[in-house]
C-alpha cells in the first residue's frame, strides 16, 4: 500500500508491504529514502542513492523518531549521521 505523507511541510510517499512475518516500511522523498531494517544498503551504495535505515519500527511515525543505524555513502555525504532521528535524516537527504 502506498500513501502520501506530509512531513515538516514536504510531501513523501509512504510504502507499506506486508510479508508473512513482518511489515516493510519505506518513506520515499524526491532525493532520499528512509527504510526499515528489512532493506540492504548494498544496492543504494552501488547506485549512488541516498538511503538511511532505522530499525525497531512498526509505523511511519515510528520511523521519524527512530535513530538511523546505517546509511549509504550518498546519504552520509549530504549530512546524514548515524544516531540522528529519521526525521532529520529525511530533511538532510532532501536538501
PDB file of N, CA and C in Angstrom:
ATOM      1  N   UNK A   1       0.842  -1.166   0.000  1.00  0.00           N
ATOM      2  CA  UNK A   1       0.000   0.000   0.000  1.00  0.00           C
ATOM      3  C   UNK A   1       0.894   1.238   0.000  1.00  0.00           C
ATOM      4  N   UNK A   2       0.557   2.210  -0.813  1.00  0.00           N
ATOM      5  CA  UNK A   2       1.281   3.469  -0.887  1.00  0.00           C
ATOM      6  C   UNK A   2       0.341   4.602  -0.492  1.00  0.00           C
ATOM      7  N   UNK A   3       0.880   5.534   0.291  1.00  0.00           N
ATOM      8  CA  UNK A   3       0.071   6.701   0.646  1.00  0.00           C
ATOM      9  C   UNK A   3       0.962   7.921   0.732  1.00  0.00           C
ATOM     10  N   UNK A   4       0.347   9.055   0.583  1.00  0.00           N
ATOM     11  CA  UNK A   4       1.062  10.326   0.657  1.00  0.00           C
ATOM     12  C   UNK A   4       1.236  10.712   2.121  1.00  0.00           C
ATOM     13  N   UNK A   5       2.449  11.135   2.459  1.00  0.00           N
ATOM     14  CA  UNK A   5       2.742  11.588   3.821  1.00  0.00           C
ATOM     15  C   UNK A   5       3.242  13.026   3.766  1.00  0.00           C
ATOM     16  N   UNK A   6       2.748  13.867   4.653  1.00  0.00           N
ATOM     17  CA  UNK A   6       3.297  15.214   4.786  1.00  0.00           C
ATOM     18  C   UNK A   6       4.150  15.234   6.040  1.00  0.00           C
ATOM     19  N   UNK A   7       5.425  15.545   5.857  1.00  0.00           N
ATOM     20  CA  UNK A   7       6.368  15.576   6.973  1.00  0.00           C
ATOM     21  C   UNK A   7       7.087  16.912   6.928  1.00  0.00           C
ATOM     22  N   UNK A   8       6.870  17.707   7.948  1.00  0.00           N
ATOM     23  CA  UNK A   8       7.501  19.021   8.049  1.00  0.00           C
ATOM     24  C   UNK A   8       7.317  19.857   6.787  1.00  0.00           C
ATOM     25  N   UNK A   9       6.107  19.835   6.242  1.00  0.00           N
ATOM     26  CA  UNK A   9       5.771  20.660   5.091  1.00  0.00           C
ATOM     27  C   UNK A   9       6.172  20.094   3.739  1.00  0.00           C
ATOM     28  N   UNK A  10       6.794  18.920   3.718  1.00  0.00           N
ATOM     29  CA  UNK A  10       7.180  18.274   2.454  1.00  0.00           C
ATOM     30  C   UNK A  10       6.315  17.041   2.236  1.00  0.00           C
ATOM     31  N   UNK A  11       6.104  16.716   0.978  1.00  0.00           N
ATOM     32  CA  UNK A  11       5.346  15.512   0.646  1.00  0.00           C
ATOM     33  C   UNK A  11       6.279  14.352   0.342  1.00  0.00           C
ATOM     34  N   UNK A  12       5.958  13.202   0.899  1.00  0.00           N
ATOM     35  CA  UNK A  12       6.691  11.964   0.702  1.00  0.00           C
ATOM     36  C   UNK A  12       5.704  10.867   0.341  1.00  0.00           C
ATOM     37  N   UNK A  13       6.214   9.785  -0.226  1.00  0.00           N
ATOM     38  CA  UNK A  13       5.405   8.588  -0.446  1.00  0.00           C
ATOM     39  C   UNK A  13       5.752   7.591   0.649  1.00  0.00           C
ATOM     40  N   UNK A  14       4.760   7.076   1.295  1.00  0.00           N
ATOM     41  CA  UNK A  14       4.955   6.028   2.300  1.00  0.00           C
ATOM     42  C   UNK A  14       4.520   4.705   1.699  1.00  0.00           C
ATOM     43  N   UNK A  15       5.412   3.732   1.726  1.00  0.00           N
ATOM     44  CA  UNK A  15       5.117   2.414   1.158  1.00  0.00           C
ATOM     45  C   UNK A  15       5.151   1.391   2.284  1.00  0.00           C
ATOM     46  N   UNK A  16       4.083   0.609   2.384  1.00  0.00           N
ATOM     47  CA  UNK A  16       3.945  -0.407   3.420  1.00  0.00           C
ATOM     48  C   UNK A  16       3.647  -1.739   2.744  1.00  0.00           C
ATOM     49  N   UNK A  17       4.559  -2.700   2.907  1.00  0.00           N
ATOM     50  CA  UNK A  17       4.393  -4.027   2.318  1.00  0.00           C
ATOM     51  C   UNK A  17       4.392  -5.071   3.422  1.00  0.00           C
ATOM     52  N   UNK A  18       3.382  -5.913   3.419  1.00  0.00           N
ATOM     53  CA  UNK A  18       3.275  -6.946   4.444  1.00  0.00           C
ATOM     54  C   UNK A  18       3.845  -8.259   3.924  1.00  0.00           C
ATOM     55  N   UNK A  19       4.719  -8.865   4.736  1.00  0.00           N
ATOM     56  CA  UNK A  19       5.176 -10.220   4.465  1.00  0.00           C
ATOM     57  C   UNK A  19       4.459 -11.127   5.461  1.00  0.00           C
ATOM     58  N   UNK A  20       4.798 -12.371   5.445  1.00  0.00           N
ATOM     59  CA  UNK A  20       4.148 -13.287   6.373  1.00  0.00           C
ATOM     60  C   UNK A  20       4.459 -12.940   7.825  1.00  0.00           C
ATOM     61  N   UNK A  21       5.691 -12.447   8.069  1.00  0.00           N
ATOM     62  CA  UNK A  21       6.125 -12.242   9.443  1.00  0.00           C
ATOM     63  C   UNK A  21       6.465 -10.794   9.794  1.00  0.00           C
ATOM     64  N   UNK A  22       6.382  -9.911   8.848  1.00  0.00           N
ATOM     65  CA  UNK A  22       6.826  -8.535   9.122  1.00  0.00           C
ATOM     66  C   UNK A  22       6.111  -7.551   8.209  1.00  0.00           C
ATOM     67  N   UNK A  23       6.396  -6.297   8.459  1.00  0.00           N
ATOM     68  CA  UNK A  23       5.931  -5.214   7.601  1.00  0.00           C
ATOM     69  C   UNK A  23       7.163  -4.449   7.141  1.00  0.00           C
ATOM     70  N   UNK A  24       7.314  -4.289   5.836  1.00  0.00           N
ATOM     71  CA  UNK A  24       8.400  -3.482   5.284  1.00  0.00           C
ATOM     72  C   UNK A  24       7.876  -2.061   5.124  1.00  0.00           C
ATOM     73  N   UNK A  25       8.646  -1.105   5.613  1.00  0.00           N
ATOM     74  CA  UNK A  25       8.243   0.302   5.547  1.00  0.00           C
ATOM     75  C   UNK A  25       9.309   1.112   4.822  1.00  0.00           C
ATOM     76  N   UNK A  26       8.851   2.005   3.957  1.00  0.00           N
ATOM     77  CA  UNK A  26       9.742   2.884   3.212  1.00  0.00           C
ATOM     78  C   UNK A  26       9.091   4.257   3.105  1.00  0.00           C
ATOM     79  N   UNK A  27       9.853   5.288   3.424  1.00  0.00           N
ATOM     80  CA  UNK A  27       9.423   6.656   3.172  1.00  0.00           C
ATOM     81  C   UNK A  27      10.321   7.168   2.062  1.00  0.00           C
ATOM     82  N   UNK A  28       9.702   7.547   0.953  1.00  0.00           N
ATOM     83  CA  UNK A  28      10.456   7.944  -0.232  1.00  0.00           C
ATOM     84  C   UNK A  28      10.234   9.414  -0.531  1.00  0.00           C
ATOM     85  N   UNK A  29      11.342  10.158  -0.599  1.00  0.00           N
ATOM     86  CA  UNK A  29      11.303  11.552  -0.990  1.00  0.00           C
ATOM     87  C   UNK A  29      11.745  11.695  -2.430  1.00  0.00           C
ATOM     88  N   UNK A  30      11.929  12.921  -2.864  1.00  0.00           N
ATOM     89  CA  UNK A  30      12.396  13.159  -4.227  1.00  0.00           C
ATOM     90  C   UNK A  30      13.853  12.751  -4.387  1.00  0.00           C
ATOM     91  N   UNK A  31      14.650  12.914  -3.323  1.00  0.00           N
ATOM     92  CA  UNK A  31      16.080  12.651  -3.425  1.00  0.00           C
ATOM     93  C   UNK A  31      16.590  11.575  -2.479  1.00  0.00           C
ATOM     94  N   UNK A  32      15.817  11.225  -1.471  1.00  0.00           N
ATOM     95  CA  UNK A  32      16.297  10.265  -0.484  1.00  0.00           C
ATOM     96  C   UNK A  32      15.209   9.342   0.000  1.00  0.00           C
ATOM     97  N   UNK A  33      15.649   8.259   0.649  1.00  0.00           N
ATOM     98  CA  UNK A  33      14.744   7.229   1.143  1.00  0.00           C
ATOM     99  C   UNK A  33      15.103   6.850   2.569  1.00  0.00           C
ATOM    100  N   UNK A  34      14.073   6.608   3.377  1.00  0.00           N
ATOM    101  CA  UNK A  34      14.247   6.117   4.737  1.00  0.00           C
ATOM    102  C   UNK A  34      13.534   4.780   4.814  1.00  0.00           C
ATOM    103  N   UNK A  35      14.278   3.725   5.122  1.00  0.00           N
ATOM    104  CA  UNK A  35      13.690   2.392   5.158  1.00  0.00           C
ATOM    105  C   UNK A  35      13.867   1.726   6.503  1.00  0.00           C
ATOM    106  N   UNK A  36      13.087   0.684   6.712  1.00  0.00           N
ATOM    107  CA  UNK A  36      13.198  -0.117   7.929  1.00  0.00           C
ATOM    108  C   UNK A  36      14.368  -1.097   7.778  1.00  0.00           C
ATOM    109  N   UNK A  37      14.602  -1.886   8.802  1.00  0.00           N
ATOM    110  CA  UNK A  37      15.720  -2.815   8.817  1.00  0.00           C
ATOM    111  C   UNK A  37      15.623  -3.949   7.817  1.00  0.00           C
ATOM    112  N   UNK A  38      14.530  -4.071   7.118  1.00  0.00           N
ATOM    113  CA  UNK A  38      14.346  -5.119   6.118  1.00  0.00           C
ATOM    114  C   UNK A  38      15.192  -4.860   4.874  1.00  0.00           C
ATOM    115  N   UNK A  39      15.645  -3.626   4.701  1.00  0.00           N
ATOM    116  CA  UNK A  39      16.372  -3.223   3.499  1.00  0.00           C
ATOM    117  C   UNK A  39      17.880  -3.390   3.659  1.00  0.00           C
ATOM    118  N   UNK A  40      18.566  -3.477   2.518  1.00  0.00           N
ATOM    119  CA  UNK A  40      20.017  -3.575   2.457  1.00  0.00           C
ATOM    120  C   UNK A  40      20.581  -2.329   1.785  1.00  0.00           C
ATOM    121  N   UNK A  41      21.718  -1.853   2.266  1.00  0.00           N
ATOM    122  CA  UNK A  41      22.338  -0.663   1.688  1.00  0.00           C
ATOM    123  C   UNK A  41      23.189  -0.952   0.455  1.00  0.00           C
ATOM    124  N   UNK A  42      23.551  -2.192   0.220  1.00  0.00           N
ATOM    125  CA  UNK A  42      24.454  -2.506  -0.894  1.00  0.00           C
ATOM    126  C   UNK A  42      23.958  -1.954  -2.231  1.00  0.00           C
ATOM    127  N   UNK A  43      22.695  -2.150  -2.604  1.00  0.00           N
ATOM    128  CA  UNK A  43      22.240  -1.586  -3.881  1.00  0.00           C
ATOM    129  C   UNK A  43      22.280  -0.058  -3.899  1.00  0.00           C
ATOM    130  N   UNK A  44      21.915   0.572  -2.782  1.00  0.00           N
ATOM    131  CA  UNK A  44      21.930   2.040  -2.723  1.00  0.00           C
ATOM    132  C   UNK A  44      23.350   2.560  -2.907  1.00  0.00           C
ATOM    133  N   UNK A  45      24.316   1.917  -2.271  1.00  0.00           N
ATOM    134  CA  UNK A  45      25.709   2.341  -2.434  1.00  0.00           C
ATOM    135  C   UNK A  45      26.180   2.132  -3.866  1.00  0.00           C
ATOM    136  N   UNK A  46      25.818   1.028  -4.446  1.00  0.00           N
ATOM    137  CA  UNK A  46      26.228   0.738  -5.824  1.00  0.00           C
ATOM    138  C   UNK A  46      25.669   1.762  -6.809  1.00  0.00           C
ATOM    139  N   UNK A  47      24.425   2.179  -6.566  1.00  0.00           N
ATOM    140  CA  UNK A  47      23.746   3.095  -7.481  1.00  0.00           C
ATOM    141  C   UNK A  47      23.900   4.565  -7.114  1.00  0.00           C
ATOM    142  N   UNK A  48      24.457   4.845  -5.951  1.00  0.00           N
ATOM    143  CA  UNK A  48      24.627   6.230  -5.524  1.00  0.00           C
ATOM    144  C   UNK A  48      23.369   6.862  -4.966  1.00  0.00           C
ATOM    145  N   UNK A  49      22.430   6.040  -4.482  1.00  0.00           N
ATOM    146  CA  UNK A  49      21.187   6.563  -3.918  1.00  0.00           C
ATOM    147  C   UNK A  49      21.370   6.973  -2.461  1.00  0.00           C
ATOM    148  N   UNK A  50      20.618   7.982  -2.070  1.00  0.00           N
ATOM    149  CA  UNK A  50      20.574   8.406  -0.673  1.00  0.00           C
ATOM    150  C   UNK A  50      19.572   7.508   0.053  1.00  0.00           C
ATOM    151  N   UNK A  51      20.056   6.745   1.021  1.00  0.00           N
ATOM    152  CA  UNK A  51      19.205   5.785   1.721  1.00  0.00           C
ATOM    153  C   UNK A  51      19.694   5.651   3.155  1.00  0.00           C
ATOM    154  N   UNK A  52      18.780   5.776   4.100  1.00  0.00           N
ATOM    155  CA  UNK A  52      19.099   5.585   5.513  1.00  0.00           C
ATOM    156  C   UNK A  52      18.161   4.523   6.086  1.00  0.00           C
ATOM    157  N   UNK A  53      18.645   3.806   7.083  1.00  0.00           N
ATOM    158  CA  UNK A  53      17.877   2.714   7.686  1.00  0.00           C
ATOM    159  C   UNK A  53      17.678   2.975   9.172  1.00  0.00           C
ATOM    160  N   UNK A  54      16.435   2.734   9.615  1.00  0.00           N
ATOM    161  CA  UNK A  54      16.078   2.755  11.033  1.00  0.00           C
ATOM    162  C   UNK A  54      15.506   1.381  11.376  1.00  0.00           C
ATOM    163  N   UNK A  55      15.643   0.961  12.615  1.00  0.00           N
ATOM    164  CA  UNK A  55      15.158  -0.366  12.998  1.00  0.00           C
ATOM    165  C   UNK A  55      14.208  -0.278  14.189  1.00  0.00           C
ATOM    166  N   UNK A  56      13.497  -1.388  14.420  1.00  0.00           N
ATOM    167  CA  UNK A  56      12.569  -1.463  15.544  1.00  0.00           C
ATOM    168  C   UNK A  56      11.320  -0.636  15.348  1.00  0.00           C
ATOM    169  N   UNK A  57      10.904  -0.483  14.096  1.00  0.00           N
ATOM    170  CA  UNK A  57       9.759   0.379  13.788  1.00  0.00           C
ATOM    171  C   UNK A  57       8.572  -0.432  13.282  1.00  0.00           C
ATOM    172  N   UNK A  58       7.378   0.073  13.569  1.00  0.00           N
ATOM    173  CA  UNK A  58       6.154  -0.593  13.120  1.00  0.00           C
ATOM    174  C   UNK A  58       5.211   0.349  12.388  1.00  0.00           C
ATOM    175  N   UNK A  59       5.614   1.629  12.281  1.00  0.00           N
ATOM    176  CA  UNK A  59       4.765   2.608  11.617  1.00  0.00           C
ATOM    177  C   UNK A  59       5.646   3.717  11.042  1.00  0.00           C
ATOM    178  N   UNK A  60       5.056   4.527  10.179  1.00  0.00           N
ATOM    179  CA  UNK A  60       5.791   5.655   9.619  1.00  0.00           C
ATOM    180  C   UNK A  60       6.180   6.649  10.713  1.00  0.00           C
ATOM    181  N   UNK A  61       5.308   6.866  11.673  1.00  0.00           N
ATOM    182  CA  UNK A  61       5.646   7.792  12.759  1.00  0.00           C
ATOM    183  C   UNK A  61       6.796   7.248  13.599  1.00  0.00           C
ATOM    184  N   UNK A  62       6.846   5.936  13.812  1.00  0.00           N
ATOM    185  CA  UNK A  62       7.993   5.327  14.498  1.00  0.00           C
ATOM    186  C   UNK A  62       9.286   5.614  13.746  1.00  0.00           C
ATOM    187  N   UNK A  63       9.231   5.556  12.415  1.00  0.00           N
ATOM    188  CA  UNK A  63      10.421   5.759  11.591  1.00  0.00           C
ATOM    189  C   UNK A  63      10.993   7.159  11.768  1.00  0.00           C
ATOM    190  N   UNK A  64      10.130   8.126  11.939  1.00  0.00           N
ATOM    191  CA  UNK A  64      10.585   9.511  12.079  1.00  0.00           C
ATOM    192  C   UNK A  64      11.316   9.742  13.392  1.00  0.00           C
ATOM    193  N   UNK A  65      10.951   9.000  14.432  1.00  0.00           N
ATOM    194  CA  UNK A  65      11.560   9.158  15.750  1.00  0.00           C
ATOM    195  C   UNK A  65      12.749   8.231  15.971  1.00  0.00           C
ATOM    196  N   UNK A  66      12.806   7.113  15.258  1.00  0.00           N
ATOM    197  CA  UNK A  66      13.876   6.128  15.444  1.00  0.00           C
ATOM    198  C   UNK A  66      15.226   6.680  14.995  1.00  0.00           C
ATOM    199  N   UNK A  67      16.272   6.156  15.571  1.00  0.00           N
ATOM    200  CA  UNK A  67      17.639   6.566  15.232  1.00  0.00           C
ATOM    201  C   UNK A  67      18.134   5.836  13.990  1.00  0.00           C
ATOM    202  N   UNK A  68      18.838   6.535  13.137  1.00  0.00           N
ATOM    203  CA  UNK A  68      19.452   5.944  11.953  1.00  0.00           C
ATOM    204  C   UNK A  68      20.563   5.004  12.416  1.00  0.00           C
ATOM    205  N   UNK A  69      20.526   3.754  11.933  1.00  0.00           N
ATOM    206  CA  UNK A  69      21.545   2.766  12.298  1.00  0.00           C
ATOM    207  C   UNK A  69      22.527   2.512  11.161  1.00  0.00           C
ATOM    208  N   UNK A  70      22.154   2.896   9.949  1.00  0.00           N
ATOM    209  CA  UNK A  70      23.024   2.712   8.785  1.00  0.00           C
ATOM    210  C   UNK A  70      22.577   3.684   7.703  1.00  0.00           C
ATOM    211  N   UNK A  71      23.533   4.061   6.841  1.00  0.00           N
ATOM    212  CA  UNK A  71      23.215   4.990   5.755  1.00  0.00           C
ATOM    213  C   UNK A  71      24.172   4.746   4.594  1.00  0.00           C
ATOM    214  N   UNK A  72      23.669   4.989   3.399  1.00  0.00           N
ATOM    215  CA  UNK A  72      24.503   4.845   2.205  1.00  0.00           C
ATOM    216  C   UNK A  72      25.553   5.951   2.168  1.00  0.00           C
ATOM    217  N   UNK A  73      26.564   5.750   1.356  1.00  0.00           N
ATOM    218  CA  UNK A  73      27.615   6.762   1.204  1.00  0.00           C
ATOM    219  C   UNK A  73      27.035   8.087   0.738  1.00  0.00           C
ATOM    220  N   UNK A  74      26.081   8.036  -0.186  1.00  0.00           N
ATOM    221  CA  UNK A  74      25.458   9.264  -0.693  1.00  0.00           C
ATOM    222  C   UNK A  74      24.675   9.981   0.401  1.00  0.00           C
ATOM    223  N   UNK A  75      24.014   9.225   1.277  1.00  0.00           N
ATOM    224  CA  UNK A  75      23.282   9.838   2.390  1.00  0.00           C
ATOM    225  C   UNK A  75      24.250  10.475   3.382  1.00  0.00           C
ATOM    226  N   UNK A  76      25.335   9.790   3.681  1.00  0.00           N
ATOM    227  CA  UNK A  76      26.337  10.339   4.597  1.00  0.00           C
ATOM    228  C   UNK A  76      26.952  11.611   4.026  1.00  0.00           C
ATOM    229  N   UNK A  77      27.184  11.622   2.718  1.00  0.00           N
ATOM    230  CA  UNK A  77      27.799  12.781   2.057  1.00  0.00           C
ATOM    231  C   UNK A  77      26.917  14.023   2.123  1.00  0.00           C
ATOM    232  N   UNK A  78      25.597  13.842   2.240  1.00  0.00           N
ATOM    233  CA  UNK A  78      24.714  15.010   2.300  1.00  0.00           C
ATOM    234  C   UNK A  78      24.365  15.395   3.741  1.00  0.00           C
ATOM    235  N   UNK A  79      25.022  14.760   4.714  1.00  0.00           N
ATOM    236  CA  UNK A  79      24.854  15.192   6.096  1.00  0.00           C
ATOM    237  C   UNK A  79      24.156  14.229   7.034  1.00  0.00           C
ATOM    238  N   UNK A  80      23.686  13.095   6.548  1.00  0.00           N
ATOM    239  CA  UNK A  80      23.062  12.112   7.435  1.00  0.00           C
ATOM    240  C   UNK A  80      24.138  11.563   8.358  1.00  0.00           C
ATOM    241  N   UNK A  81      23.795  11.404   9.641  1.00  0.00           N
ATOM    242  CA  UNK A  81      24.720  10.852  10.625  1.00  0.00           C
ATOM    243  C   UNK A  81      24.066   9.675  11.328  1.00  0.00           C
ATOM    244  N   UNK A  82      24.857   8.654  11.597  1.00  0.00           N
ATOM    245  CA  UNK A  82      24.368   7.517  12.368  1.00  0.00           C
ATOM    246  C   UNK A  82      23.960   8.040  13.747  1.00  0.00           C
ATOM    247  N   UNK A  83      22.776   7.655  14.196  1.00  0.00           N
ATOM    248  CA  UNK A  83      22.273   8.095  15.501  1.00  0.00           C
ATOM    249  C   UNK A  83      21.297   9.249  15.438  1.00  0.00           C
ATOM    250  N   UNK A  84      21.225   9.937  14.287  1.00  0.00           N
ATOM    251  CA  UNK A  84      20.249  11.037  14.186  1.00  0.00           C
ATOM    252  C   UNK A  84      18.851  10.447  13.976  1.00  0.00           C
ATOM    253  N   UNK A  85      17.838  11.208  14.276  1.00  0.00           N
ATOM    254  CA  UNK A  85      16.455  10.759  14.093  1.00  0.00           C
ATOM    255  C   UNK A  85      16.128  10.637  12.608  1.00  0.00           C
ATOM    256  N   UNK A  86      15.234   9.709  12.285  1.00  0.00           N
ATOM    257  CA  UNK A  86      14.813   9.501  10.909  1.00  0.00           C
ATOM    258  C   UNK A  86      14.288  10.773  10.266  1.00  0.00           C
ATOM    259  N   UNK A  87      13.556  11.569  11.019  1.00  0.00           N
ATOM    260  CA  UNK A  87      13.013  12.841  10.510  1.00  0.00           C
ATOM    261  C   UNK A  87      14.143  13.753  10.044  1.00  0.00           C
ATOM    262  N   UNK A  88      15.191  13.863  10.839  1.00  0.00           N
ATOM    263  CA  UNK A  88      16.328  14.714  10.483  1.00  0.00           C
ATOM    264  C   UNK A  88      17.073  14.140   9.267  1.00  0.00           C
ATOM    265  N   UNK A  89      17.178  12.823   9.187  1.00  0.00           N
ATOM    266  CA  UNK A  89      17.850  12.201   8.041  1.00  0.00           C
ATOM    267  C   UNK A  89      17.085  12.497   6.756  1.00  0.00           C
ATOM    268  N   UNK A  90      15.768  12.403   6.796  1.00  0.00           N
ATOM    269  CA  UNK A  90      14.966  12.733   5.607  1.00  0.00           C
ATOM    270  C   UNK A  90      15.226  14.166   5.175  1.00  0.00           C
ATOM    271  N   UNK A  91      15.242  15.085   6.133  1.00  0.00           N
ATOM    272  CA  UNK A  91      15.482  16.502   5.809  1.00  0.00           C
ATOM    273  C   UNK A  91      16.849  16.687   5.159  1.00  0.00           C
ATOM    274  N   UNK A  92      17.875  16.022   5.685  1.00  0.00           N
ATOM    275  CA  UNK A  92      19.228  16.117   5.098  1.00  0.00           C
ATOM    276  C   UNK A  92      19.241  15.602   3.664  1.00  0.00           C
ATOM    277  N   UNK A  93      18.583  14.489   3.436  1.00  0.00           N
ATOM    278  CA  UNK A  93      18.605  13.870   2.107  1.00  0.00           C
ATOM    279  C   UNK A  93      17.827  14.660   1.072  1.00  0.00           C
ATOM    280  N   UNK A  94      16.907  15.502   1.520  1.00  0.00           N
ATOM    281  CA  UNK A  94      16.090  16.285   0.590  1.00  0.00           C
ATOM    282  C   UNK A  94      16.685  17.646   0.274  1.00  0.00           C
ATOM    283  N   UNK A  95      17.821  17.991   0.874  1.00  0.00           N
ATOM    284  CA  UNK A  95      18.462  19.282   0.594  1.00  0.00           C
ATOM    285  C   UNK A  95      19.063  19.272  -0.794  1.00  0.00           C
TER     286      UNK A  95
END
